[in-house]
Structure formats: structure tokens, C-alpha cells
Amino acid sequence: MTETKKKEDAEGQEAAQASITTLKPVPDEAPPKPEADHAGKAGSVWKTVVGAAVKVAEASGEMVKSSAEKVGDLSARAAHLAKLKLEVRNLRHDLEKLYRETGEKLWRLHTEKALEGLTAPFEEDLEKIEGTVRDIEAREAEMDD
């Protein structure tokens, strides 16, 4: 028997003895049985454990939900950036094509002598193009031999 239980029993006996000597009725409440005391404590501990588990589960659920939202946001942002990068690449390709077509028109007008007086800003570039064209023609002629 534990010290606490012994003390409760002693107090109960003293109360009964005092009731007899003072002619007071004995209280109806009997001291708790050891099994009931342990069952009550076990139930209390169980409720505490279950309550804590529920709180952990709720917090975990919120963390998973928050993480999923963040991943979704990041995925959407990544997809948007990829789309923008593709659009920029396509626009740069279009711009290069426009530059090439403009250069080809300018070259054609130069070879047709249709740009008299207007070629001064392009003289150096036109000379480089003419030199490159001559080099290509020479190598192609060499391949044909």
C-alpha cells in the first residue's frame, strides 16, 4: 500500500471516529479504490495524449497545406518565367531575321548601285561583306576543281 493510500485510510478512520464521538453521521463517500484511481489517471493521461496527437495532426495538416500552396505558387511562377523566356527567345530570333533581311536588301541595293551617296555609313561593312563573298566564291571554285 502506498503512503498516500495509507494516509487517506488513516484520515478516513479518524473522520469515522470523530463522527462516532460527536455523533455525526459518517460521510457516504468511501475512499477511492486503487483500481479506480489508476483507471482515472490512465483515462486522464489518455485524453492528454489524444489531445496532443490531434493538435500535432492539425498543425501537420496546416504545414502540408502551406507547403503545397508554396510549391504551387513556385511552380506557377516557374512556368510563367519559362514562357516569358521562350517568348523573348522567339522575339530575338524574329529580330535577327529582320536584321538579316534588311541587310540583304541593303546589299542588293548596293550591288545595283541604287544607293549612290547613301552608303557612306556602311562602306566599311560593305567592304567586309564583299571580301567575305570573294573568299566564299574562291573556296567554292576550289571545291569544284
Protein backbone atom coordinates (compact mmCIF):
# COMPACT_ATOMS: atom_id res chain seq x y z
CA MET A 1 0.00 0.00 0.00
CA THR A 2 1.36 3.43 -0.89
CA GLU A 3 1.99 6.16 1.66
CA THR A 4 -0.74 8.31 0.09
CA LYS A 5 -3.24 5.48 0.33
CA LYS A 6 -2.26 4.78 3.95
CA LYS A 7 -2.71 8.45 4.76
CA GLU A 8 -6.15 8.53 3.07
CA ASP A 9 -7.22 5.41 5.02
CA ALA A 10 -5.99 6.90 8.29
CA GLU A 11 -7.82 10.16 7.60
CA GLY A 12 -10.98 8.21 6.77
CA GLN A 13 -10.74 6.28 10.06
CA GLU A 14 -10.15 9.47 12.01
CA ALA A 15 -13.21 11.05 10.38
CA ALA A 16 -15.29 7.99 11.26
CA GLN A 17 -14.00 8.02 14.86
CA ALA A 18 -14.74 11.73 15.13
CA SER A 19 -18.26 11.14 13.81
CA ILE A 20 -18.89 8.50 16.42
CA THR A 21 -17.61 10.62 19.26
CA THR A 22 -19.52 13.70 18.11
CA LEU A 23 -22.47 11.63 16.95
CA LYS A 24 -22.20 12.94 13.41
CA PRO A 25 -23.09 10.71 10.52
CA VAL A 26 -20.20 9.07 8.63
CA PRO A 27 -19.71 10.57 5.16
CA ASP A 28 -21.19 8.47 2.33
CA GLU A 29 -18.08 8.85 0.27
CA ALA A 30 -15.76 5.96 0.62
CA PRO A 31 -12.09 6.40 -0.21
CA PRO A 32 -11.39 5.58 -3.87
CA LYS A 33 -10.34 2.08 -4.68
CA PRO A 34 -6.81 1.73 -6.03
CA GLU A 35 -8.08 0.34 -9.36
CA ALA A 36 -10.45 3.28 -9.87
CA ASP A 37 -7.70 5.73 -9.03
CA HIS A 38 -5.36 4.18 -11.61
CA ALA A 39 -8.12 3.96 -14.20
CA GLY A 40 -8.93 7.63 -13.69
CA LYS A 41 -5.30 8.60 -14.05
CA ALA A 42 -4.92 6.39 -17.11
CA GLY A 43 -8.01 7.95 -18.68
CA SER A 44 -6.68 11.40 -17.95
CA VAL A 45 -3.29 10.54 -19.45
CA TRP A 46 -5.02 9.01 -22.49
CA LYS A 47 -7.09 12.17 -23.02
CA THR A 48 -3.92 14.26 -22.79
CA VAL A 49 -2.10 12.05 -25.30
CA VAL A 50 -5.05 12.05 -27.73
CA GLY A 51 -5.43 15.82 -27.39
CA ALA A 52 -1.75 16.33 -28.12
CA ALA A 53 -1.93 13.95 -31.09
CA VAL A 54 -4.90 15.87 -32.50
CA LYS A 55 -3.03 19.16 -32.13
CA VAL A 56 0.05 17.70 -33.84
CA ALA A 57 -2.11 16.31 -36.66
CA GLU A 58 -3.84 19.66 -37.15
CA ALA A 59 -0.51 21.51 -37.16
CA SER A 60 0.94 18.96 -39.60
CA GLY A 61 -2.07 19.37 -41.86
CA GLU A 62 -1.63 23.13 -41.87
CA MET A 63 2.09 22.76 -42.65
CA VAL A 64 1.37 20.39 -45.53
CA LYS A 65 -1.32 22.72 -46.87
CA SER A 66 1.00 25.73 -46.61
CA SER A 67 3.85 23.82 -48.27
CA ALA A 68 1.59 22.65 -51.09
CA GLU A 69 0.43 26.22 -51.68
CA LYS A 70 4.03 27.45 -51.77
CA VAL A 71 5.04 24.70 -54.20
CA GLY A 72 2.04 25.53 -56.37
CA ASP A 73 2.96 29.22 -56.35
CA LEU A 74 6.59 28.44 -57.21
CA SER A 75 5.53 26.08 -60.00
CA ALA A 76 3.22 28.68 -61.48
CA ARG A 77 5.99 31.27 -61.29
CA ALA A 78 8.50 28.89 -62.90
CA ALA A 79 6.06 28.09 -65.71
CA HIS A 80 5.41 31.80 -66.28
CA LEU A 81 9.16 32.55 -66.40
CA ALA A 82 9.76 29.68 -68.82
CA LYS A 83 7.00 31.01 -71.08
CA LEU A 84 8.48 34.53 -70.98
CA LYS A 85 11.98 33.22 -71.75
CA LEU A 86 10.63 31.31 -74.74
CA GLU A 87 8.78 34.39 -75.98
CA VAL A 88 11.92 36.53 -75.62
CA ARG A 89 13.99 33.92 -77.49
CA ASN A 90 11.40 33.84 -80.31
CA LEU A 91 11.30 37.63 -80.49
CA ARG A 92 15.12 37.79 -80.64
CA HIS A 93 15.05 35.21 -83.44
CA ASP A 94 12.47 37.34 -85.29
CA LEU A 95 14.65 40.42 -84.77
CA GLU A 96 17.74 38.63 -86.14
CA LYS A 97 15.69 37.58 -89.17
CA LEU A 98 14.59 41.20 -89.71
CA TYR A 99 18.19 42.40 -89.43
CA ARG A 100 19.30 39.78 -91.95
CA GLU A 101 16.51 40.65 -94.41
CA THR A 102 17.27 44.38 -94.05
CA GLY A 103 20.96 43.71 -94.61
CA GLU A 104 20.22 41.60 -97.67
CA LYS A 105 18.05 44.39 -99.14
CA LEU A 106 20.77 46.92 -98.42
CA TRP A 107 23.34 44.66 -100.05
CA ARG A 108 21.18 44.15 -103.12
CA LEU A 109 20.65 47.91 -103.48
CA HIS A 110 24.40 48.44 -103.12
CA THR A 111 25.22 45.91 -105.84
CA GLU A 112 22.63 47.57 -108.11
CA LYS A 113 24.27 50.95 -107.47
CA ALA A 114 20.90 52.21 -106.18
CA LEU A 115 22.40 53.69 -103.02
CA GLU A 116 24.66 56.31 -104.58
CA GLY A 117 25.68 58.70 -101.83
CA LEU A 118 23.86 56.81 -99.09
CA THR A 119 26.41 54.08 -98.48
CA ALA A 120 29.00 56.20 -96.64
CA PRO A 121 27.95 54.98 -93.14
CA PHE A 122 28.06 51.37 -94.41
CA GLU A 123 31.24 51.47 -96.53
CA GLU A 124 33.39 49.50 -94.10
CA ASP A 125 30.69 46.87 -93.56
CA LEU A 126 30.01 46.59 -97.28
CA GLU A 127 33.72 46.11 -97.99
CA LYS A 128 33.90 43.31 -95.39
CA ILE A 129 30.88 41.65 -96.98
CA GLU A 130 32.43 41.94 -100.46
CA GLY A 131 35.69 40.40 -99.16
CA THR A 132 33.81 37.54 -97.48
CA VAL A 133 31.77 36.89 -100.64
CA ARG A 134 35.01 36.72 -102.68
CA ASP A 135 36.54 34.26 -100.17
CA ILE A 136 33.44 32.04 -100.35
CA GLU A 137 33.44 32.08 -104.16
CA ALA A 138 37.17 31.19 -104.24
CA ARG A 139 36.74 28.24 -101.92
CA GLU A 140 33.66 27.00 -103.79
CA ALA A 141 35.65 27.19 -107.04
CA GLU A 142 38.45 25.25 -105.39
CA MET A 143 35.96 22.54 -104.29
CA ASP A 144 34.67 22.25 -107.87
CA ASP A 145 38.20 21.56 -109.19
